[in-house]
Amino acid sequence: MSALTTPPAPAPAQEPGRLSPILQRLSLHLDTLPTAAAVVIFVGMIIYGEAAYGQIVQFNTLSNLLINNAHLIILAVGLTFVILTGGIDLSVGAVIAFSSVAGVLLINAGWDPWVATVLMILIGTVFGAISGVLIQYFHVQPFIATLAMMFLGRGLASMLSTVPERLADDSALRTLGTQIKVVDGPKVNDIVITPGVLIAVVVVAIAFFVLHRTRTGRTVYAIGGSEQSAALMGLPVAATKMWVYVISGTLSGLAAVVYTARLGSAQNITGIGWELDAIAAAVIGGTLLTGGAGFVLGSVVGALVLGLMNVLITRDGGIPPEATTIITGGILLVFVLLQRAVLARRRE
């Protein structure tokens, strides 16, 4: 008899629609995709700038990027809290104008600079608290409530002064804008920071801890995911929504302090459009406009992307400054479409 041979077992058929390991990992981390894209764009802009213009990958360029955008980073952190809950805050630029003009006038009138600084921050806190009350207890839409506060802040700033108000060169507030050399490089290629940059770093660190290590942070994400579900779970929805606008307003006042200390002056037209820059920074950094997903560090990357874009446009010389808003709008549109794709994938 001839030996019977067992035919080889057929290979298991691959499940239809089964994802490759890479795609499986991406599907598990869809929320990080916009943030990763922002990092890639930032690195790509650095490479392009170095190749096209040179002297981009230098200590002094990166130091100036942080110094000039410390106030935007602070604003973006505040907007991250608000947008994570599905809200919006259009008042931050006007708050900066009113707070900075009020602070400079008080200092020039003889007030203690540090008392005036605290008052500048508290002005932002009051604006944020009013927005929170309107939204949470009077059920005004966040867009309308913060738009009203924007007009109020801009009007109050114009009532105080319509001309630039300048701090004295020896004012104590200006010490927050004093450059501190950390590393003495060749020629002017130094690592330089200011107390304003350190304040921005502390704000980012605290915000990261609050959002990712505290019950308040988990509630913020839960509200953005589904406010009704968060309320059914017994989470403090009303208090948390109040707090996010208070945080945004307070950080707007702090951003006014940092910006005024660096520039040494204030004006009623300061901050026009900055609320859109801060929103763009948060969205580019991966915070979903619908709420529920986003990262503080992503918003920092988004702010640096906008800052580096301004540097590259200045270095080019052939691109009009007005094109900055067009390019920002284009980048923002790309990230909004990317967010839509992420949301569609999450529903699947």
Protein backbone atom coordinates (compact mmCIF):
# COMPACT_ATOMS: atom_id res chain seq x y z
CA MET A 1 0.00 0.00 0.00
CA SER A 2 1.22 3.41 -0.76
CA ALA A 3 1.50 5.70 2.21
CA LEU A 4 -1.28 8.21 2.52
CA THR A 5 -0.12 11.77 2.55
CA THR A 6 -2.05 14.42 4.37
CA PRO A 7 -2.54 17.46 2.19
CA PRO A 8 -1.14 20.65 3.70
CA ALA A 9 -3.65 22.67 5.63
CA PRO A 10 -4.78 25.73 3.72
CA ALA A 11 -3.45 29.04 4.99
CA PRO A 12 -6.03 30.90 7.04
CA ALA A 13 -7.77 33.45 4.91
CA GLN A 14 -7.06 37.00 5.88
CA GLU A 15 -10.04 38.67 7.40
CA PRO A 16 -11.62 41.13 5.00
CA GLY A 17 -10.84 44.69 5.90
CA ARG A 18 -8.19 43.64 8.41
CA LEU A 19 -5.76 46.44 9.06
CA SER A 20 -2.01 46.09 8.89
CA PRO A 21 -0.21 46.47 12.23
CA ILE A 22 0.74 50.07 11.39
CA LEU A 23 -2.83 50.99 10.52
CA GLN A 24 -4.06 49.23 13.64
CA ARG A 25 -1.79 51.39 15.77
CA LEU A 26 -2.93 54.51 13.96
CA SER A 27 -6.55 53.56 14.52
CA LEU A 28 -5.89 53.31 18.25
CA HIS A 29 -4.26 56.74 18.36
CA LEU A 30 -6.37 58.75 15.95
CA ASP A 31 -6.63 61.63 18.41
CA THR A 32 -2.87 62.17 18.21
CA LEU A 33 -2.80 62.29 14.40
CA PRO A 34 -3.40 66.07 14.04
CA THR A 35 -0.78 66.78 16.71
CA ALA A 36 1.71 64.52 14.95
CA ALA A 37 0.93 66.33 11.69
CA ALA A 38 1.65 69.67 13.39
CA VAL A 39 5.02 68.39 14.60
CA VAL A 40 5.86 67.15 11.09
CA ILE A 41 4.90 70.55 9.61
CA PHE A 42 7.02 72.38 12.19
CA VAL A 43 10.06 70.21 11.48
CA GLY A 44 9.45 70.54 7.74
CA MET A 45 9.31 74.34 8.04
CA ILE A 46 12.63 74.34 9.90
CA ILE A 47 14.25 72.16 7.22
CA TYR A 48 12.82 74.30 4.42
CA GLY A 49 13.86 77.54 6.12
CA GLU A 50 17.40 76.30 6.68
CA ALA A 51 17.70 75.14 3.08
CA ALA A 52 16.15 78.26 1.55
CA TYR A 53 17.38 81.06 3.78
CA GLY A 54 19.94 79.60 6.17
CA GLN A 55 20.56 80.50 9.83
CA ILE A 56 17.25 79.01 10.97
CA VAL A 57 18.67 76.13 13.01
CA GLN A 58 20.45 78.45 15.39
CA PHE A 59 20.17 79.17 19.07
CA ASN A 60 19.31 82.84 18.59
CA THR A 61 16.54 82.11 16.04
CA LEU A 62 14.89 79.52 18.28
CA SER A 63 15.33 81.77 21.32
CA ASN A 64 13.63 84.66 19.55
CA LEU A 65 10.84 82.32 18.44
CA LEU A 66 10.07 81.53 22.08
CA ILE A 67 10.48 85.11 23.31
CA ASN A 68 8.27 86.64 20.62
CA ASN A 69 5.53 84.03 20.98
CA ALA A 70 5.40 83.51 24.76
CA HIS A 71 2.14 85.48 24.97
CA LEU A 72 0.60 83.44 22.13
CA ILE A 73 1.54 80.19 23.85
CA ILE A 74 -0.20 81.37 27.03
CA LEU A 75 -3.30 82.37 25.04
CA ALA A 76 -3.34 79.03 23.18
CA VAL A 77 -3.23 77.13 26.47
CA GLY A 78 -6.28 79.03 27.72
CA LEU A 79 -8.17 78.42 24.47
CA THR A 80 -7.30 74.72 24.70
CA PHE A 81 -9.30 74.41 27.92
CA VAL A 82 -12.28 76.19 26.35
CA ILE A 83 -12.26 74.32 23.04
CA LEU A 84 -11.89 70.97 24.78
CA THR A 85 -15.35 71.56 26.30
CA GLY A 86 -16.75 72.39 22.87
CA GLY A 87 -16.78 76.14 23.57
CA ILE A 88 -15.03 79.18 22.13
CA ASP A 89 -13.60 82.42 23.53
CA LEU A 90 -13.41 85.42 21.20
CA SER A 91 -12.65 87.95 23.91
CA VAL A 92 -9.00 87.18 24.65
CA GLY A 93 -7.50 89.76 22.27
CA ALA A 94 -9.72 92.56 23.60
CA VAL A 95 -8.97 91.52 27.18
CA ILE A 96 -5.27 91.91 26.43
CA ALA A 97 -5.88 95.41 25.03
CA PHE A 98 -7.93 96.60 28.01
CA SER A 99 -5.71 94.92 30.59
CA SER A 100 -2.45 96.22 29.13
CA VAL A 101 -3.68 99.81 28.65
CA ALA A 102 -5.14 99.87 32.18
CA GLY A 103 -1.95 98.46 33.67
CA VAL A 104 0.37 100.91 31.91
CA LEU A 105 -1.80 103.89 32.83
CA LEU A 106 -1.89 102.84 36.48
CA ILE A 107 1.88 102.34 36.62
CA ASN A 108 2.50 105.71 34.97
CA ALA A 109 0.10 107.25 37.48
CA GLY A 110 2.33 106.10 40.33
CA TRP A 111 0.84 102.74 41.32
CA ASP A 112 3.15 100.01 42.51
CA PRO A 113 4.05 98.06 39.33
CA TRP A 114 3.40 94.67 40.90
CA VAL A 115 0.00 95.71 42.24
CA ALA A 116 -0.87 96.93 38.75
CA THR A 117 0.39 93.62 37.34
CA VAL A 118 -1.90 91.65 39.63
CA LEU A 119 -4.77 93.92 38.62
CA MET A 120 -4.04 93.24 34.94
CA ILE A 121 -4.39 89.53 35.55
CA LEU A 122 -7.56 90.01 37.63
CA ILE A 123 -9.14 92.01 34.81
CA GLY A 124 -8.83 88.93 32.64
CA THR A 125 -10.25 86.79 35.42
CA VAL A 126 -13.33 89.03 35.71
CA PHE A 127 -13.93 88.94 31.96
CA GLY A 128 -13.66 85.15 31.97
CA ALA A 129 -16.00 84.84 34.93
CA ILE A 130 -18.63 87.03 33.26
CA SER A 131 -18.40 84.93 30.09
CA GLY A 132 -18.77 81.75 32.14
CA VAL A 133 -21.85 83.06 33.96
CA LEU A 134 -23.50 84.15 30.71
CA ILE A 135 -22.84 80.77 29.11
CA GLN A 136 -23.61 78.46 32.00
CA TYR A 137 -26.39 80.20 33.91
CA PHE A 138 -28.01 82.40 31.25
CA HIS A 139 -27.55 79.80 28.51
CA VAL A 140 -26.04 82.27 26.05
CA GLN A 141 -24.12 80.63 23.22
CA PRO A 142 -20.34 80.84 23.81
CA PHE A 143 -19.85 82.60 20.48
CA ILE A 144 -22.34 85.36 21.37
CA ALA A 145 -21.28 85.71 25.02
CA THR A 146 -17.56 86.03 24.27
CA LEU A 147 -18.24 88.24 21.24
CA ALA A 148 -20.09 90.64 23.54
CA MET A 149 -17.15 90.58 25.96
CA MET A 150 -14.81 91.25 23.05
CA PHE A 151 -16.71 94.43 22.14
CA LEU A 152 -16.85 95.43 25.81
CA GLY A 153 -13.11 94.99 26.31
CA ARG A 154 -12.21 96.79 23.10
CA GLY A 155 -14.56 99.67 23.96
CA LEU A 156 -13.18 100.04 27.48
CA ALA A 157 -9.62 100.05 26.13
CA SER A 158 -10.54 102.83 23.66
CA MET A 159 -12.18 104.85 26.46
CA LEU A 160 -8.97 104.69 28.48
CA SER A 161 -6.69 105.75 25.64
CA THR A 162 -6.55 105.90 21.86
CA VAL A 163 -2.82 106.57 21.65
CA PRO A 164 0.12 104.31 22.56
CA GLU A 165 0.93 104.40 26.27
CA ARG A 166 4.57 103.72 27.03
CA LEU A 167 6.19 102.38 30.18
CA ALA A 168 9.28 104.07 31.59
CA ASP A 169 12.47 102.26 30.67
CA ASP A 170 13.25 101.64 34.34
CA SER A 171 9.77 100.31 35.19
CA ALA A 172 9.84 97.15 37.29
CA LEU A 173 7.33 95.49 34.95
CA ARG A 174 9.86 95.61 32.13
CA THR A 175 12.10 93.23 34.04
CA LEU A 176 9.77 90.44 32.89
CA GLY A 177 10.97 91.18 29.37
CA THR A 178 14.67 91.33 30.24
CA GLN A 179 16.74 88.89 28.21
CA ILE A 180 18.80 86.39 30.18
CA LYS A 181 21.72 84.74 28.42
CA VAL A 182 21.76 81.02 29.21
CA VAL A 183 24.48 79.88 26.80
CA ASP A 184 27.09 82.24 25.36
CA GLY A 185 27.48 81.04 21.80
CA PRO A 186 29.73 82.31 19.01
CA LYS A 187 28.99 85.92 17.99
CA VAL A 188 25.25 86.51 18.53
CA ASN A 189 24.28 82.85 18.44
CA ASP A 190 23.29 82.65 22.10
CA ILE A 191 20.56 80.82 23.97
CA VAL A 192 18.50 83.62 25.48
CA ILE A 193 15.29 83.51 27.49
CA THR A 194 13.19 86.02 29.39
CA PRO A 195 11.09 85.70 32.55
CA GLY A 196 8.10 85.85 30.17
CA VAL A 197 9.28 82.64 28.52
CA LEU A 198 9.68 81.00 31.93
CA ILE A 199 6.13 82.08 32.81
CA ALA A 200 4.86 80.47 29.59
CA VAL A 201 6.72 77.24 30.42
CA VAL A 202 5.22 77.16 33.93
CA VAL A 203 1.73 77.77 32.49
CA VAL A 204 2.15 74.89 30.04
CA ALA A 205 3.41 72.56 32.78
CA ILE A 206 0.53 73.40 35.13
CA ALA A 207 -2.05 73.09 32.35
CA PHE A 208 -0.63 69.71 31.33
CA PHE A 209 -0.87 68.48 34.91
CA VAL A 210 -4.42 69.77 35.37
CA LEU A 211 -5.73 68.28 32.13
CA HIS A 212 -4.04 64.90 32.37
CA ARG A 213 -3.62 64.25 36.09
CA THR A 214 -6.66 65.74 37.83
CA ARG A 215 -10.38 65.12 38.07
CA THR A 216 -11.01 68.59 36.66
CA GLY A 217 -9.06 67.71 33.53
CA ARG A 218 -10.96 64.46 33.05
CA THR A 219 -14.20 66.39 33.46
CA VAL A 220 -13.11 68.88 30.78
CA TYR A 221 -12.57 66.03 28.32
CA ALA A 222 -15.84 64.37 29.35
CA ILE A 223 -17.84 67.56 28.75
CA GLY A 224 -16.36 67.87 25.29
CA GLY A 225 -17.20 64.26 24.53
CA SER A 226 -20.81 64.54 25.72
CA GLU A 227 -21.99 67.13 28.22
CA GLN A 228 -25.18 65.20 28.90
CA SER A 229 -23.28 61.99 29.63
CA ALA A 230 -20.86 63.87 31.88
CA ALA A 231 -23.80 65.24 33.89
CA LEU A 232 -25.38 61.78 34.17
CA MET A 233 -22.10 60.46 35.56
CA GLY A 234 -22.31 63.04 38.35
CA LEU A 235 -19.40 65.15 37.14
CA PRO A 236 -19.37 68.85 38.13
CA VAL A 237 -20.28 70.11 34.66
CA ALA A 238 -21.50 73.60 35.65
CA ALA A 239 -18.50 74.40 37.84
CA THR A 240 -16.02 73.06 35.28
CA LYS A 241 -17.51 75.09 32.43
CA MET A 242 -17.25 78.16 34.62
CA TRP A 243 -13.65 77.37 35.45
CA VAL A 244 -12.50 76.94 31.84
CA TYR A 245 -13.63 80.47 30.96
CA VAL A 246 -12.09 81.84 34.14
CA ILE A 247 -8.84 80.08 33.21
CA SER A 248 -8.98 81.48 29.68
CA GLY A 249 -9.62 85.01 30.95
CA THR A 250 -6.92 84.79 33.61
CA LEU A 251 -4.35 83.56 31.10
CA SER A 252 -5.37 86.40 28.78
CA GLY A 253 -4.52 88.85 31.56
CA LEU A 254 -1.23 87.05 32.15
CA ALA A 255 -0.47 87.16 28.42
CA ALA A 256 -1.09 90.92 28.55
CA VAL A 257 1.51 91.21 31.31
CA VAL A 258 4.09 89.19 29.35
CA TYR A 259 3.48 91.08 26.11
CA THR A 260 3.47 94.52 27.73
CA ALA A 261 6.68 93.76 29.63
CA ARG A 262 8.43 92.74 26.40
CA LEU A 263 7.14 95.60 24.24
CA GLY A 264 7.14 98.30 26.94
CA SER A 265 3.93 99.90 25.69
CA ALA A 266 0.20 99.33 25.32
CA GLN A 267 -2.47 100.45 22.88
CA ASN A 268 -6.21 100.04 22.44
CA ILE A 269 -5.70 98.24 19.12
CA THR A 270 -3.37 95.65 20.65
CA GLY A 271 -4.53 92.08 20.24
CA ILE A 272 -6.77 92.49 17.21
CA GLY A 273 -7.09 89.05 15.67
CA TRP A 274 -5.08 87.35 18.41
CA GLU A 275 -8.10 85.31 19.46
CA LEU A 276 -8.09 83.77 15.98
CA ASP A 277 -4.35 83.13 16.20
CA ALA A 278 -4.82 81.37 19.54
CA ILE A 279 -7.71 79.29 18.18
CA ALA A 280 -5.65 78.44 15.11
CA ALA A 281 -2.71 77.39 17.32
CA ALA A 282 -4.95 75.07 19.35
CA VAL A 283 -6.58 73.57 16.25
CA ILE A 284 -3.28 73.13 14.40
CA GLY A 285 -1.94 71.46 17.55
CA GLY A 286 -4.70 68.84 17.39
CA THR A 287 -7.50 70.16 19.60
CA LEU A 288 -10.81 69.18 18.01
CA LEU A 289 -13.20 72.09 17.52
CA THR A 290 -16.04 69.80 18.58
CA GLY A 291 -14.30 69.22 21.91
CA GLY A 292 -13.26 66.10 23.77
CA ALA A 293 -9.80 65.64 22.26
CA GLY A 294 -6.63 67.68 22.27
CA PHE A 295 -3.32 68.29 23.98
CA VAL A 296 -1.73 71.31 25.64
CA LEU A 297 1.66 70.45 24.16
CA GLY A 298 0.03 70.27 20.74
CA SER A 299 -1.23 73.83 21.17
CA VAL A 300 2.32 74.91 21.99
CA VAL A 301 3.51 73.33 18.75
CA GLY A 302 0.69 75.09 16.90
CA ALA A 303 1.75 78.46 18.33
CA LEU A 304 5.36 77.80 17.30
CA VAL A 305 4.22 76.85 13.78
CA LEU A 306 2.51 80.24 13.43
CA GLY A 307 5.53 82.03 14.89
CA LEU A 308 7.98 80.23 12.59
CA MET A 309 5.76 80.99 9.62
CA ASN A 310 6.11 84.71 10.38
CA VAL A 311 9.89 84.30 10.63
CA LEU A 312 10.09 82.58 7.24
CA ILE A 313 7.87 85.20 5.58
CA THR A 314 10.10 87.95 7.00
CA ARG A 315 13.24 86.16 5.83
CA ASP A 316 11.83 85.71 2.32
CA GLY A 317 11.16 89.40 1.82
CA GLY A 318 9.14 88.80 -1.33
CA ILE A 319 5.97 87.66 0.42
CA PRO A 320 3.75 90.54 1.60
CA PRO A 321 2.92 90.50 5.33
CA GLU A 322 -0.76 90.37 4.41
CA ALA A 323 -0.17 86.87 3.07
CA THR A 324 0.34 85.65 6.63
CA THR A 325 -3.40 85.52 7.23
CA ILE A 326 -3.95 83.72 3.92
CA ILE A 327 -1.34 81.09 4.74
CA THR A 328 -2.69 80.73 8.28
CA GLY A 329 -6.18 80.24 6.89
CA GLY A 330 -4.92 77.61 4.46
CA ILE A 331 -3.09 75.68 7.18
CA LEU A 332 -6.13 75.93 9.45
CA LEU A 333 -8.40 74.61 6.68
CA VAL A 334 -6.12 71.62 6.16
CA PHE A 335 -6.22 70.76 9.87
CA VAL A 336 -9.99 71.20 10.09
CA LEU A 337 -10.38 68.76 7.19
CA LEU A 338 -7.95 66.39 8.92
CA GLN A 339 -10.06 66.63 12.06
CA ARG A 340 -13.17 65.77 10.05
CA ALA A 341 -11.42 62.69 8.71
CA VAL A 342 -10.39 61.68 12.22
CA LEU A 343 -13.95 62.10 13.52
CA ALA A 344 -15.32 60.05 10.63
CA ARG A 345 -12.80 57.30 11.36
CA ARG A 346 -13.68 57.32 15.08
CA ARG A 347 -17.37 56.83 14.26
CA GLU A 348 -16.46 53.76 12.21
